[in-house]
Amino acid sequence: MPYAIRNQQGQITALLNEVAIGAEEYVTKDNPDVKAFLQDHSTPNTKAALAESDKGIVRVTEDLIHLLISKNIILFTELPKPVQQKLLDRERMRSSLQEPMDNFLDDGELI
């Protein structure tokens, strides 16, 4: 279990795996101060990490749906209407990013 560094108010400010200067106090996981420290410090990091991983999992899910449809395992029309609309919207946005940037020019104009 970790060794605690405390501030002047006695609150844990860091937990270390080994004894270090300022971290000589051995604490157990059942210590209320350890629980408070972990709850205060892990929640935002966990939420941020989860939110960041959501971005990647969205694309994975989208690719998985396309794969299942292409292999005729599911039909696009079997998906709920809101899901169909979201997939179509995302595909439309993605294809607009892949269009050439010169499409705003008239046929006779050059860059």
PDB file of N, CA and C in Angstrom:
ATOM      1  N   MET A   1       0.849  -1.187   0.000  1.00  0.00           N
ATOM      2  CA  MET A   1       0.000   0.000   0.000  1.00  0.00           C
ATOM      3  C   MET A   1       0.880   1.230   0.000  1.00  0.00           C
ATOM      4  N   PRO A   2       0.339   2.369  -0.308  1.00  0.00           N
ATOM      5  CA  PRO A   2       1.138   3.576  -0.522  1.00  0.00           C
ATOM      6  C   PRO A   2       1.543   4.312   0.751  1.00  0.00           C
ATOM      7  N   TYR A   3       2.455   5.212   0.515  1.00  0.00           N
ATOM      8  CA  TYR A   3       2.906   6.138   1.552  1.00  0.00           C
ATOM      9  C   TYR A   3       2.339   7.505   1.198  1.00  0.00           C
ATOM     10  N   ALA A   4       1.883   8.216   2.238  1.00  0.00           N
ATOM     11  CA  ALA A   4       1.158   9.463   2.009  1.00  0.00           C
ATOM     12  C   ALA A   4       2.022  10.688   2.241  1.00  0.00           C
ATOM     13  N   ILE A   5       1.794  11.688   1.418  1.00  0.00           N
ATOM     14  CA  ILE A   5       2.315  13.036   1.647  1.00  0.00           C
ATOM     15  C   ILE A   5       1.101  13.872   2.016  1.00  0.00           C
ATOM     16  N   ARG A   6       1.234  14.609   3.116  1.00  0.00           N
ATOM     17  CA  ARG A   6       0.109  15.419   3.594  1.00  0.00           C
ATOM     18  C   ARG A   6       0.472  16.896   3.553  1.00  0.00           C
ATOM     19  N   ASN A   7      -0.546  17.741   3.404  1.00  0.00           N
ATOM     20  CA  ASN A   7      -0.327  19.188   3.465  1.00  0.00           C
ATOM     21  C   ASN A   7      -0.409  19.649   4.921  1.00  0.00           C
ATOM     22  N   GLN A   8      -0.317  20.944   5.147  1.00  0.00           N
ATOM     23  CA  GLN A   8      -0.318  21.474   6.512  1.00  0.00           C
ATOM     24  C   GLN A   8      -1.646  21.245   7.220  1.00  0.00           C
ATOM     25  N   GLN A   9      -2.708  21.066   6.457  1.00  0.00           N
ATOM     26  CA  GLN A   9      -4.015  20.802   7.056  1.00  0.00           C
ATOM     27  C   GLN A   9      -4.219  19.310   7.359  1.00  0.00           C
ATOM     28  N   GLY A  10      -3.239  18.491   7.022  1.00  0.00           N
ATOM     29  CA  GLY A  10      -3.322  17.063   7.287  1.00  0.00           C
ATOM     30  C   GLY A  10      -3.982  16.257   6.184  1.00  0.00           C
ATOM     31  N   GLN A  11      -4.328  16.918   5.089  1.00  0.00           N
ATOM     32  CA  GLN A  11      -4.956  16.207   3.971  1.00  0.00           C
ATOM     33  C   GLN A  11      -3.893  15.556   3.099  1.00  0.00           C
ATOM     34  N   ILE A  12      -4.203  14.388   2.596  1.00  0.00           N
ATOM     35  CA  ILE A  12      -3.276  13.704   1.690  1.00  0.00           C
ATOM     36  C   ILE A  12      -3.242  14.457   0.365  1.00  0.00           C
ATOM     37  N   THR A  13      -2.023  14.753  -0.090  1.00  0.00           N
ATOM     38  CA  THR A  13      -1.852  15.449  -1.368  1.00  0.00           C
ATOM     39  C   THR A  13      -1.214  14.554  -2.426  1.00  0.00           C
ATOM     40  N   ALA A  14      -0.624  13.436  -1.975  1.00  0.00           N
ATOM     41  CA  ALA A  14      -0.012  12.499  -2.917  1.00  0.00           C
ATOM     42  C   ALA A  14       0.140  11.144  -2.244  1.00  0.00           C
ATOM     43  N   LEU A  15       0.125  10.106  -3.059  1.00  0.00           N
ATOM     44  CA  LEU A  15       0.377   8.747  -2.594  1.00  0.00           C
ATOM     45  C   LEU A  15       1.516   8.175  -3.424  1.00  0.00           C
ATOM     46  N   LEU A  16       2.497   7.599  -2.740  1.00  0.00           N
ATOM     47  CA  LEU A  16       3.662   7.028  -3.411  1.00  0.00           C
ATOM     48  C   LEU A  16       3.775   5.546  -3.082  1.00  0.00           C
ATOM     49  N   ASN A  17       4.367   4.782  -3.965  1.00  0.00           N
ATOM     50  CA  ASN A  17       4.555   3.350  -3.729  1.00  0.00           C
ATOM     51  C   ASN A  17       5.682   3.058  -2.757  1.00  0.00           C
ATOM     52  N   GLU A  18       6.608   3.988  -2.621  1.00  0.00           N
ATOM     53  CA  GLU A  18       7.780   3.778  -1.773  1.00  0.00           C
ATOM     54  C   GLU A  18       7.947   4.934  -0.812  1.00  0.00           C
ATOM     55  N   VAL A  19       8.691   4.672   0.249  1.00  0.00           N
ATOM     56  CA  VAL A  19       9.022   5.729   1.198  1.00  0.00           C
ATOM     57  C   VAL A  19       9.866   6.772   0.478  1.00  0.00           C
ATOM     58  N   ALA A  20       9.560   8.037   0.735  1.00  0.00           N
ATOM     59  CA  ALA A  20      10.323   9.141   0.153  1.00  0.00           C
ATOM     60  C   ALA A  20      10.318  10.283   1.159  1.00  0.00           C
ATOM     61  N   ILE A  21      11.112  11.297   0.890  1.00  0.00           N
ATOM     62  CA  ILE A  21      11.143  12.451   1.778  1.00  0.00           C
ATOM     63  C   ILE A  21       9.757  13.075   1.802  1.00  0.00           C
ATOM     64  N   GLY A  22       9.205  13.188   2.981  1.00  0.00           N
ATOM     65  CA  GLY A  22       7.864  13.738   3.137  1.00  0.00           C
ATOM     66  C   GLY A  22       6.767  12.701   2.994  1.00  0.00           C
ATOM     67  N   ALA A  23       7.149  11.482   2.641  1.00  0.00           N
ATOM     68  CA  ALA A  23       6.164  10.407   2.477  1.00  0.00           C
ATOM     69  C   ALA A  23       6.606   9.186   3.263  1.00  0.00           C
ATOM     70  N   GLU A  24       6.709   9.375   4.565  1.00  0.00           N
ATOM     71  CA  GLU A  24       7.122   8.261   5.421  1.00  0.00           C
ATOM     72  C   GLU A  24       5.936   7.540   6.043  1.00  0.00           C
ATOM     73  N   GLU A  25       4.742   8.145   5.949  1.00  0.00           N
ATOM     74  CA  GLU A  25       3.553   7.570   6.589  1.00  0.00           C
ATOM     75  C   GLU A  25       2.935   6.497   5.695  1.00  0.00           C
ATOM     76  N   TYR A  26       2.932   5.286   6.203  1.00  0.00           N
ATOM     77  CA  TYR A  26       2.287   4.177   5.499  1.00  0.00           C
ATOM     78  C   TYR A  26       0.785   4.256   5.755  1.00  0.00           C
ATOM     79  N   VAL A  27      -0.003   4.173   4.698  1.00  0.00           N
ATOM     80  CA  VAL A  27      -1.459   4.222   4.848  1.00  0.00           C
ATOM     81  C   VAL A  27      -2.083   3.015   4.150  1.00  0.00           C
ATOM     82  N   THR A  28      -3.217   2.588   4.673  1.00  0.00           N
ATOM     83  CA  THR A  28      -3.924   1.456   4.070  1.00  0.00           C
ATOM     84  C   THR A  28      -5.045   1.966   3.177  1.00  0.00           C
ATOM     85  N   LYS A  29      -5.544   1.091   2.351  1.00  0.00           N
ATOM     86  CA  LYS A  29      -6.620   1.487   1.445  1.00  0.00           C
ATOM     87  C   LYS A  29      -7.911   1.795   2.186  1.00  0.00           C
ATOM     88  N   ASP A  30      -8.036   1.304   3.410  1.00  0.00           N
ATOM     89  CA  ASP A  30      -9.238   1.557   4.203  1.00  0.00           C
ATOM     90  C   ASP A  30      -9.201   2.895   4.929  1.00  0.00           C
ATOM     91  N   ASN A  31      -8.060   3.548   4.924  1.00  0.00           N
ATOM     92  CA  ASN A  31      -7.920   4.841   5.597  1.00  0.00           C
ATOM     93  C   ASN A  31      -8.885   5.840   4.961  1.00  0.00           C
ATOM     94  N   PRO A  32      -9.726   6.522   5.770  1.00  0.00           N
ATOM     95  CA  PRO A  32     -10.685   7.476   5.208  1.00  0.00           C
ATOM     96  C   PRO A  32     -10.022   8.599   4.406  1.00  0.00           C
ATOM     97  N   ASP A  33      -8.813   8.999   4.811  1.00  0.00           N
ATOM     98  CA  ASP A  33      -8.100  10.047   4.073  1.00  0.00           C
ATOM     99  C   ASP A  33      -7.680   9.554   2.690  1.00  0.00           C
ATOM    100  N   VAL A  34      -7.309   8.287   2.598  1.00  0.00           N
ATOM    101  CA  VAL A  34      -6.939   7.699   1.304  1.00  0.00           C
ATOM    102  C   VAL A  34      -8.166   7.650   0.398  1.00  0.00           C
ATOM    103  N   LYS A  35      -9.284   7.208   0.952  1.00  0.00           N
ATOM    104  CA  LYS A  35     -10.516   7.148   0.163  1.00  0.00           C
ATOM    105  C   LYS A  35     -10.917   8.533  -0.329  1.00  0.00           C
ATOM    106  N   ALA A  36     -10.813   9.530   0.553  1.00  0.00           N
ATOM    107  CA  ALA A  36     -11.167  10.903   0.163  1.00  0.00           C
ATOM    108  C   ALA A  36     -10.233  11.406  -0.929  1.00  0.00           C
ATOM    109  N   PHE A  37      -8.934  11.138  -0.786  1.00  0.00           N
ATOM    110  CA  PHE A  37      -7.955  11.573  -1.786  1.00  0.00           C
ATOM    111  C   PHE A  37      -8.249  10.930  -3.142  1.00  0.00           C
ATOM    112  N   LEU A  38      -8.476   9.633  -3.140  1.00  0.00           N
ATOM    113  CA  LEU A  38      -8.725   8.929  -4.403  1.00  0.00           C
ATOM    114  C   LEU A  38     -10.016   9.393  -5.054  1.00  0.00           C
ATOM    115  N   GLN A  39     -11.028   9.625  -4.259  1.00  0.00           N
ATOM    116  CA  GLN A  39     -12.294  10.098  -4.825  1.00  0.00           C
ATOM    117  C   GLN A  39     -12.139  11.497  -5.397  1.00  0.00           C
ATOM    118  N   ASP A  40     -11.445  12.365  -4.689  1.00  0.00           N
ATOM    119  CA  ASP A  40     -11.261  13.743  -5.153  1.00  0.00           C
ATOM    120  C   ASP A  40     -10.388  13.825  -6.394  1.00  0.00           C
ATOM    121  N   HIS A  41      -9.388  12.946  -6.489  1.00  0.00           N
ATOM    122  CA  HIS A  41      -8.412  13.073  -7.569  1.00  0.00           C
ATOM    123  C   HIS A  41      -8.642  12.142  -8.748  1.00  0.00           C
ATOM    124  N   SER A  42      -9.338  11.061  -8.557  1.00  0.00           N
ATOM    125  CA  SER A  42      -9.499  10.139  -9.683  1.00  0.00           C
ATOM    126  C   SER A  42     -10.741  10.428 -10.509  1.00  0.00           C
ATOM    127  N   THR A  43     -11.747  10.988  -9.914  1.00  0.00           N
ATOM    128  CA  THR A  43     -12.995  11.204 -10.640  1.00  0.00           C
ATOM    129  C   THR A  43     -12.824  12.092 -11.866  1.00  0.00           C
ATOM    130  N   PRO A  44     -12.223  13.288 -11.756  1.00  0.00           N
ATOM    131  CA  PRO A  44     -12.073  14.106 -12.970  1.00  0.00           C
ATOM    132  C   PRO A  44     -11.198  13.427 -14.022  1.00  0.00           C
ATOM    133  N   ASN A  45     -10.119  12.785 -13.570  1.00  0.00           N
ATOM    134  CA  ASN A  45      -9.234  12.113 -14.526  1.00  0.00           C
ATOM    135  C   ASN A  45      -9.949  10.951 -15.200  1.00  0.00           C
ATOM    136  N   THR A  46     -10.703  10.217 -14.418  1.00  0.00           N
ATOM    137  CA  THR A  46     -11.439   9.090 -14.970  1.00  0.00           C
ATOM    138  C   THR A  46     -12.492   9.575 -15.951  1.00  0.00           C
ATOM    139  N   LYS A  47     -13.210  10.630 -15.573  1.00  0.00           N
ATOM    140  CA  LYS A  47     -14.235  11.170 -16.470  1.00  0.00           C
ATOM    141  C   LYS A  47     -13.610  11.696 -17.755  1.00  0.00           C
ATOM    142  N   ALA A  48     -12.485  12.374 -17.634  1.00  0.00           N
ATOM    143  CA  ALA A  48     -11.811  12.911 -18.820  1.00  0.00           C
ATOM    144  C   ALA A  48     -11.316  11.776 -19.717  1.00  0.00           C
ATOM    145  N   ALA A  49     -10.737  10.754 -19.099  1.00  0.00           N
ATOM    146  CA  ALA A  49     -10.245   9.614 -19.878  1.00  0.00           C
ATOM    147  C   ALA A  49     -11.403   8.887 -20.562  1.00  0.00           C
ATOM    148  N   LEU A  50     -12.505   8.756 -19.838  1.00  0.00           N
ATOM    149  CA  LEU A  50     -13.672   8.102 -20.422  1.00  0.00           C
ATOM    150  C   LEU A  50     -14.232   8.921 -21.581  1.00  0.00           C
ATOM    151  N   ALA A  51     -14.311  10.220 -21.400  1.00  0.00           N
ATOM    152  CA  ALA A  51     -14.806  11.095 -22.470  1.00  0.00           C
ATOM    153  C   ALA A  51     -13.892  11.024 -23.692  1.00  0.00           C
ATOM    154  N   GLU A  52     -12.593  10.999 -23.453  1.00  0.00           N
ATOM    155  CA  GLU A  52     -11.635  10.919 -24.559  1.00  0.00           C
ATOM    156  C   GLU A  52     -11.765   9.584 -25.294  1.00  0.00           C
ATOM    157  N   SER A  53     -11.956   8.503 -24.529  1.00  0.00           N
ATOM    158  CA  SER A  53     -12.089   7.196 -25.182  1.00  0.00           C
ATOM    159  C   SER A  53     -13.405   7.089 -25.947  1.00  0.00           C
ATOM    160  N   ASP A  54     -14.418   7.854 -25.525  1.00  0.00           N
ATOM    161  CA  ASP A  54     -15.694   7.854 -26.249  1.00  0.00           C
ATOM    162  C   ASP A  54     -15.507   8.293 -27.696  1.00  0.00           C
ATOM    163  N   LYS A  55     -14.617   9.239 -27.917  1.00  0.00           N
ATOM    164  CA  LYS A  55     -14.382   9.723 -29.280  1.00  0.00           C
ATOM    165  C   LYS A  55     -13.905   8.587 -30.185  1.00  0.00           C
ATOM    166  N   GLY A  56     -13.010   7.780 -29.666  1.00  0.00           N
ATOM    167  CA  GLY A  56     -12.490   6.665 -30.450  1.00  0.00           C
ATOM    168  C   GLY A  56     -13.506   5.549 -30.622  1.00  0.00           C
ATOM    169  N   ILE A  57     -14.263   5.299 -29.574  1.00  0.00           N
ATOM    170  CA  ILE A  57     -15.223   4.198 -29.643  1.00  0.00           C
ATOM    171  C   ILE A  57     -16.378   4.528 -30.576  1.00  0.00           C
ATOM    172  N   VAL A  58     -16.666   5.804 -30.752  1.00  0.00           N
ATOM    173  CA  VAL A  58     -17.712   6.202 -31.700  1.00  0.00           C
ATOM    174  C   VAL A  58     -17.336   5.727 -33.094  1.00  0.00           C
ATOM    175  N   ARG A  59     -16.105   5.976 -33.478  1.00  0.00           N
ATOM    176  CA  ARG A  59     -15.660   5.571 -34.822  1.00  0.00           C
ATOM    177  C   ARG A  59     -15.618   4.051 -34.950  1.00  0.00           C
ATOM    178  N   VAL A  60     -15.189   3.377 -33.900  1.00  0.00           N
ATOM    179  CA  VAL A  60     -15.160   1.911 -33.919  1.00  0.00           C
ATOM    180  C   VAL A  60     -16.572   1.360 -34.095  1.00  0.00           C
ATOM    181  N   THR A  61     -17.511   1.916 -33.349  1.00  0.00           N
ATOM    182  CA  THR A  61     -18.908   1.472 -33.444  1.00  0.00           C
ATOM    183  C   THR A  61     -19.465   1.719 -34.840  1.00  0.00           C
ATOM    184  N   GLU A  62     -19.164   2.885 -35.361  1.00  0.00           N
ATOM    185  CA  GLU A  62     -19.613   3.230 -36.711  1.00  0.00           C
ATOM    186  C   GLU A  62     -19.053   2.243 -37.742  1.00  0.00           C
ATOM    187  N   ASP A  63     -17.758   1.964 -37.646  1.00  0.00           N
ATOM    188  CA  ASP A  63     -17.129   1.015 -38.571  1.00  0.00           C
ATOM    189  C   ASP A  63     -17.726  -0.384 -38.414  1.00  0.00           C
ATOM    190  N   LEU A  64     -18.004  -0.774 -37.189  1.00  0.00           N
ATOM    191  CA  LEU A  64     -18.599  -2.084 -36.931  1.00  0.00           C
ATOM    192  C   LEU A  64     -19.986  -2.183 -37.561  1.00  0.00           C
ATOM    193  N   ILE A  65     -20.775  -1.139 -37.419  1.00  0.00           N
ATOM    194  CA  ILE A  65     -22.111  -1.128 -38.034  1.00  0.00           C
ATOM    195  C   ILE A  65     -21.997  -1.254 -39.548  1.00  0.00           C
ATOM    196  N   HIS A  66     -21.070  -0.500 -40.150  1.00  0.00           N
ATOM    197  CA  HIS A  66     -20.881  -0.580 -41.606  1.00  0.00           C
ATOM    198  C   HIS A  66     -20.439  -1.982 -42.028  1.00  0.00           C
ATOM    199  N   LEU A  67     -19.578  -2.598 -41.242  1.00  0.00           N
ATOM    200  CA  LEU A  67     -19.127  -3.955 -41.552  1.00  0.00           C
ATOM    201  C   LEU A  67     -20.288  -4.944 -41.488  1.00  0.00           C
ATOM    202  N   LEU A  68     -21.090  -4.855 -40.443  1.00  0.00           N
ATOM    203  CA  LEU A  68     -22.236  -5.757 -40.304  1.00  0.00           C
ATOM    204  C   LEU A  68     -23.234  -5.572 -41.443  1.00  0.00           C
ATOM    205  N   ILE A  69     -23.422  -4.344 -41.861  1.00  0.00           N
ATOM    206  CA  ILE A  69     -24.328  -4.076 -42.985  1.00  0.00           C
ATOM    207  C   ILE A  69     -23.739  -4.619 -44.286  1.00  0.00           C
ATOM    208  N   SER A  70     -22.453  -4.385 -44.515  1.00  0.00           N
ATOM    209  CA  SER A  70     -21.823  -4.838 -45.767  1.00  0.00           C
ATOM    210  C   SER A  70     -21.803  -6.360 -45.880  1.00  0.00           C
ATOM    211  N   LYS A  71     -21.788  -7.059 -44.755  1.00  0.00           N
ATOM    212  CA  LYS A  71     -21.803  -8.524 -44.769  1.00  0.00           C
ATOM    213  C   LYS A  71     -23.228  -9.081 -44.670  1.00  0.00           C
ATOM    214  N   ASN A  72     -24.202  -8.187 -44.787  1.00  0.00           N
ATOM    215  CA  ASN A  72     -25.618  -8.569 -44.733  1.00  0.00           C
ATOM    216  C   ASN A  72     -25.994  -9.302 -43.445  1.00  0.00           C
ATOM    217  N   ILE A  73     -25.317  -8.954 -42.381  1.00  0.00           N
ATOM    218  CA  ILE A  73     -25.663  -9.524 -41.076  1.00  0.00           C
ATOM    219  C   ILE A  73     -26.829  -8.744 -40.468  1.00  0.00           C
ATOM    220  N   ILE A  74     -26.817  -7.446 -40.692  1.00  0.00           N
ATOM    221  CA  ILE A  74     -27.956  -6.609 -40.308  1.00  0.00           C
ATOM    222  C   ILE A  74     -28.319  -5.730 -41.500  1.00  0.00           C
ATOM    223  N   LEU A  75     -29.528  -5.250 -41.492  1.00  0.00           N
ATOM    224  CA  LEU A  75     -29.971  -4.303 -42.510  1.00  0.00           C
ATOM    225  C   LEU A  75     -29.970  -2.912 -41.895  1.00  0.00           C
ATOM    226  N   PHE A  76     -29.606  -1.939 -42.690  1.00  0.00           N
ATOM    227  CA  PHE A  76     -29.605  -0.552 -42.219  1.00  0.00           C
ATOM    228  C   PHE A  76     -30.983  -0.175 -41.683  1.00  0.00           C
ATOM    229  N   THR A  77     -32.016  -0.650 -42.350  1.00  0.00           N
ATOM    230  CA  THR A  77     -33.391  -0.307 -41.961  1.00  0.00           C
ATOM    231  C   THR A  77     -33.821  -0.970 -40.654  1.00  0.00           C
ATOM    232  N   GLU A  78     -33.047  -1.947 -40.181  1.00  0.00           N
ATOM    233  CA  GLU A  78     -33.350  -2.570 -38.890  1.00  0.00           C
ATOM    234  C   GLU A  78     -32.919  -1.693 -37.718  1.00  0.00           C
ATOM    235  N   LEU A  79     -32.044  -0.755 -37.994  1.00  0.00           N
ATOM    236  CA  LEU A  79     -31.594   0.148 -36.935  1.00  0.00           C
ATOM    237  C   LEU A  79     -32.709   1.134 -36.608  1.00  0.00           C
ATOM    238  N   PRO A  80     -32.780   1.583 -35.360  1.00  0.00           N
ATOM    239  CA  PRO A  80     -33.789   2.595 -35.016  1.00  0.00           C
ATOM    240  C   PRO A  80     -33.606   3.850 -35.874  1.00  0.00           C
ATOM    241  N   LYS A  81     -34.700   4.512 -36.178  1.00  0.00           N
ATOM    242  CA  LYS A  81     -34.673   5.710 -37.036  1.00  0.00           C
ATOM    243  C   LYS A  81     -33.663   6.754 -36.547  1.00  0.00           C
ATOM    244  N   PRO A  82     -33.605   7.067 -35.234  1.00  0.00           N
ATOM    245  CA  PRO A  82     -32.618   8.071 -34.795  1.00  0.00           C
ATOM    246  C   PRO A  82     -31.170   7.640 -35.075  1.00  0.00           C
ATOM    247  N   VAL A  83     -30.908   6.348 -34.958  1.00  0.00           N
ATOM    248  CA  VAL A  83     -29.562   5.832 -35.247  1.00  0.00           C
ATOM    249  C   VAL A  83     -29.279   5.955 -36.738  1.00  0.00           C
ATOM    250  N   GLN A  84     -30.248   5.601 -37.565  1.00  0.00           N
ATOM    251  CA  GLN A  84     -30.081   5.747 -39.013  1.00  0.00           C
ATOM    252  C   GLN A  84     -29.745   7.191 -39.367  1.00  0.00           C
ATOM    253  N   GLN A  85     -30.484   8.119 -38.790  1.00  0.00           N
ATOM    254  CA  GLN A  85     -30.276   9.533 -39.098  1.00  0.00           C
ATOM    255  C   GLN A  85     -28.893   9.998 -38.663  1.00  0.00           C
ATOM    256  N   LYS A  86     -28.464   9.576 -37.483  1.00  0.00           N
ATOM    257  CA  LYS A  86     -27.134   9.973 -37.000  1.00  0.00           C
ATOM    258  C   LYS A  86     -26.037   9.412 -37.896  1.00  0.00           C
ATOM    259  N   LEU A  87     -26.188   8.168 -38.300  1.00  0.00           N
ATOM    260  CA  LEU A  87     -25.192   7.569 -39.190  1.00  0.00           C
ATOM    261  C   LEU A  87     -25.151   8.284 -40.535  1.00  0.00           C
ATOM    262  N   LEU A  88     -26.324   8.591 -41.069  1.00  0.00           N
ATOM    263  CA  LEU A  88     -26.373   9.320 -42.344  1.00  0.00           C
ATOM    264  C   LEU A  88     -25.763  10.715 -42.208  1.00  0.00           C
ATOM    265  N   ASP A  89     -26.061  11.395 -41.115  1.00  0.00           N
ATOM    266  CA  ASP A  89     -25.493  12.729 -40.885  1.00  0.00           C
ATOM    267  C   ASP A  89     -23.972  12.670 -40.807  1.00  0.00           C
ATOM    268  N   ARG A  90     -23.461  11.694 -40.068  1.00  0.00           N
ATOM    269  CA  ARG A  90     -22.004  11.574 -39.927  1.00  0.00           C
ATOM    270  C   ARG A  90     -21.349  11.218 -41.261  1.00  0.00           C
ATOM    271  N   GLU A  91     -21.983  10.349 -42.021  1.00  0.00           N
ATOM    272  CA  GLU A  91     -21.427   9.983 -43.325  1.00  0.00           C
ATOM    273  C   GLU A  91     -21.416  11.189 -44.260  1.00  0.00           C
ATOM    274  N   ARG A  92     -22.478  11.974 -44.210  1.00  0.00           N
ATOM    275  CA  ARG A  92     -22.560  13.187 -45.031  1.00  0.00           C
ATOM    276  C   ARG A  92     -21.450  14.180 -44.625  1.00  0.00           C
ATOM    277  N   MET A  93     -21.259  14.360 -43.330  1.00  0.00           N
ATOM    278  CA  MET A  93     -20.198  15.265 -42.858  1.00  0.00           C
ATOM    279  C   MET A  93     -18.818  14.765 -43.270  1.00  0.00           C
ATOM    280  N   ARG A  94     -18.612  13.460 -43.131  1.00  0.00           N
ATOM    281  CA  ARG A  94     -17.310  12.894 -43.483  1.00  0.00           C
ATOM    282  C   ARG A  94     -17.040  13.036 -44.973  1.00  0.00           C
ATOM    283  N   SER A  95     -18.054  12.808 -45.799  1.00  0.00           N
ATOM    284  CA  SER A  95     -17.842  12.928 -47.245  1.00  0.00           C
ATOM    285  C   SER A  95     -17.615  14.381 -47.644  1.00  0.00           C
ATOM    286  N   SER A  96     -18.221  15.328 -46.936  1.00  0.00           N
ATOM    287  CA  SER A  96     -17.984  16.740 -47.264  1.00  0.00           C
ATOM    288  C   SER A  96     -16.548  17.144 -46.944  1.00  0.00           C
ATOM    289  N   LEU A  97     -15.934  16.483 -45.974  1.00  0.00           N
ATOM    290  CA  LEU A  97     -14.529  16.763 -45.664  1.00  0.00           C
ATOM    291  C   LEU A  97     -13.595  16.210 -46.732  1.00  0.00           C
ATOM    292  N   GLN A  98     -14.038  15.207 -47.454  1.00  0.00           N
ATOM    293  CA  GLN A  98     -13.194  14.570 -48.459  1.00  0.00           C
ATOM    294  C   GLN A  98     -13.343  15.190 -49.837  1.00  0.00           C
ATOM    295  N   GLU A  99     -14.308  16.102 -50.008  1.00  0.00           N
ATOM    296  CA  GLU A  99     -14.486  16.752 -51.304  1.00  0.00           C
ATOM    297  C   GLU A  99     -13.324  17.695 -51.561  1.00  0.00           C
ATOM    298  N   PRO A 100     -12.958  17.878 -52.834  1.00  0.00           N
ATOM    299  CA  PRO A 100     -11.850  18.783 -53.151  1.00  0.00           C
ATOM    300  C   PRO A 100     -12.159  20.211 -52.715  1.00  0.00           C
ATOM    301  N   MET A 101     -11.129  20.911 -52.296  1.00  0.00           N
ATOM    302  CA  MET A 101     -11.279  22.273 -51.792  1.00  0.00           C
ATOM    303  C   MET A 101     -11.534  23.288 -52.903  1.00  0.00           C
ATOM    304  N   ASP A 102     -11.308  22.915 -54.156  1.00  0.00           N
ATOM    305  CA  ASP A 102     -11.491  23.878 -55.238  1.00  0.00           C
ATOM    306  C   ASP A 102     -12.919  23.895 -55.781  1.00  0.00           C
ATOM    307  N   ASN A 103     -13.847  23.239 -55.116  1.00  0.00           N
ATOM    308  CA  ASN A 103     -15.206  23.169 -55.628  1.00  0.00           C
ATOM    309  C   ASN A 103     -15.942  24.505 -55.550  1.00  0.00           C
ATOM    310  N   PHE A 104     -15.387  25.499 -54.902  1.00  0.00           N
ATOM    311  CA  PHE A 104     -16.020  26.814 -54.828  1.00  0.00           C
ATOM    312  C   PHE A 104     -15.688  27.671 -56.047  1.00  0.00           C
ATOM    313  N   LEU A 105     -14.786  27.217 -56.903  1.00  0.00           N
ATOM    314  CA  LEU A 105     -14.401  27.967 -58.094  1.00  0.00           C
ATOM    315  C   LEU A 105     -15.341  27.658 -59.254  1.00  0.00           C
ATOM    316  N   ASP A 106     -15.509  28.641 -60.121  1.00  0.00           N
ATOM    317  CA  ASP A 106     -16.253  28.394 -61.360  1.00  0.00           C
ATOM    318  C   ASP A 106     -15.404  27.509 -62.265  1.00  0.00           C
ATOM    319  N   ASP A 107     -16.030  26.917 -63.262  1.00  0.00           N
ATOM    320  CA  ASP A 107     -15.324  25.999 -64.151  1.00  0.00           C
ATOM    321  C   ASP A 107     -14.120  26.640 -64.827  1.00  0.00           C
ATOM    322  N   GLY A 108     -14.190  27.920 -65.163  1.00  0.00           N
ATOM    323  CA  GLY A 108     -13.106  28.577 -65.877  1.00  0.00           C
ATOM    324  C   GLY A 108     -12.026  29.155 -64.969  1.00  0.00           C
ATOM    325  N   GLU A 109     -12.237  29.161 -63.656  1.00  0.00           N
ATOM    326  CA  GLU A 109     -11.271  29.787 -62.750  1.00  0.00           C
ATOM    327  C   GLU A 109     -10.192  28.802 -62.327  1.00  0.00           C
ATOM    328  N   LEU A 110      -9.020  29.347 -62.077  1.00  0.00           N
ATOM    329  CA  LEU A 110      -7.897  28.558 -61.584  1.00  0.00           C
ATOM    330  C   LEU A 110      -7.393  29.165 -60.288  1.00  0.00           C
ATOM    331  N   ILE A 111      -6.698  28.385 -59.541  1.00  0.00           N
ATOM    332  CA  ILE A 111      -6.094  28.888 -58.298  1.00  0.00           C
ATOM    333  C   ILE A 111      -4.754  29.508 -58.612  1.00  0.00           C
TER     334      ILE A 111
END
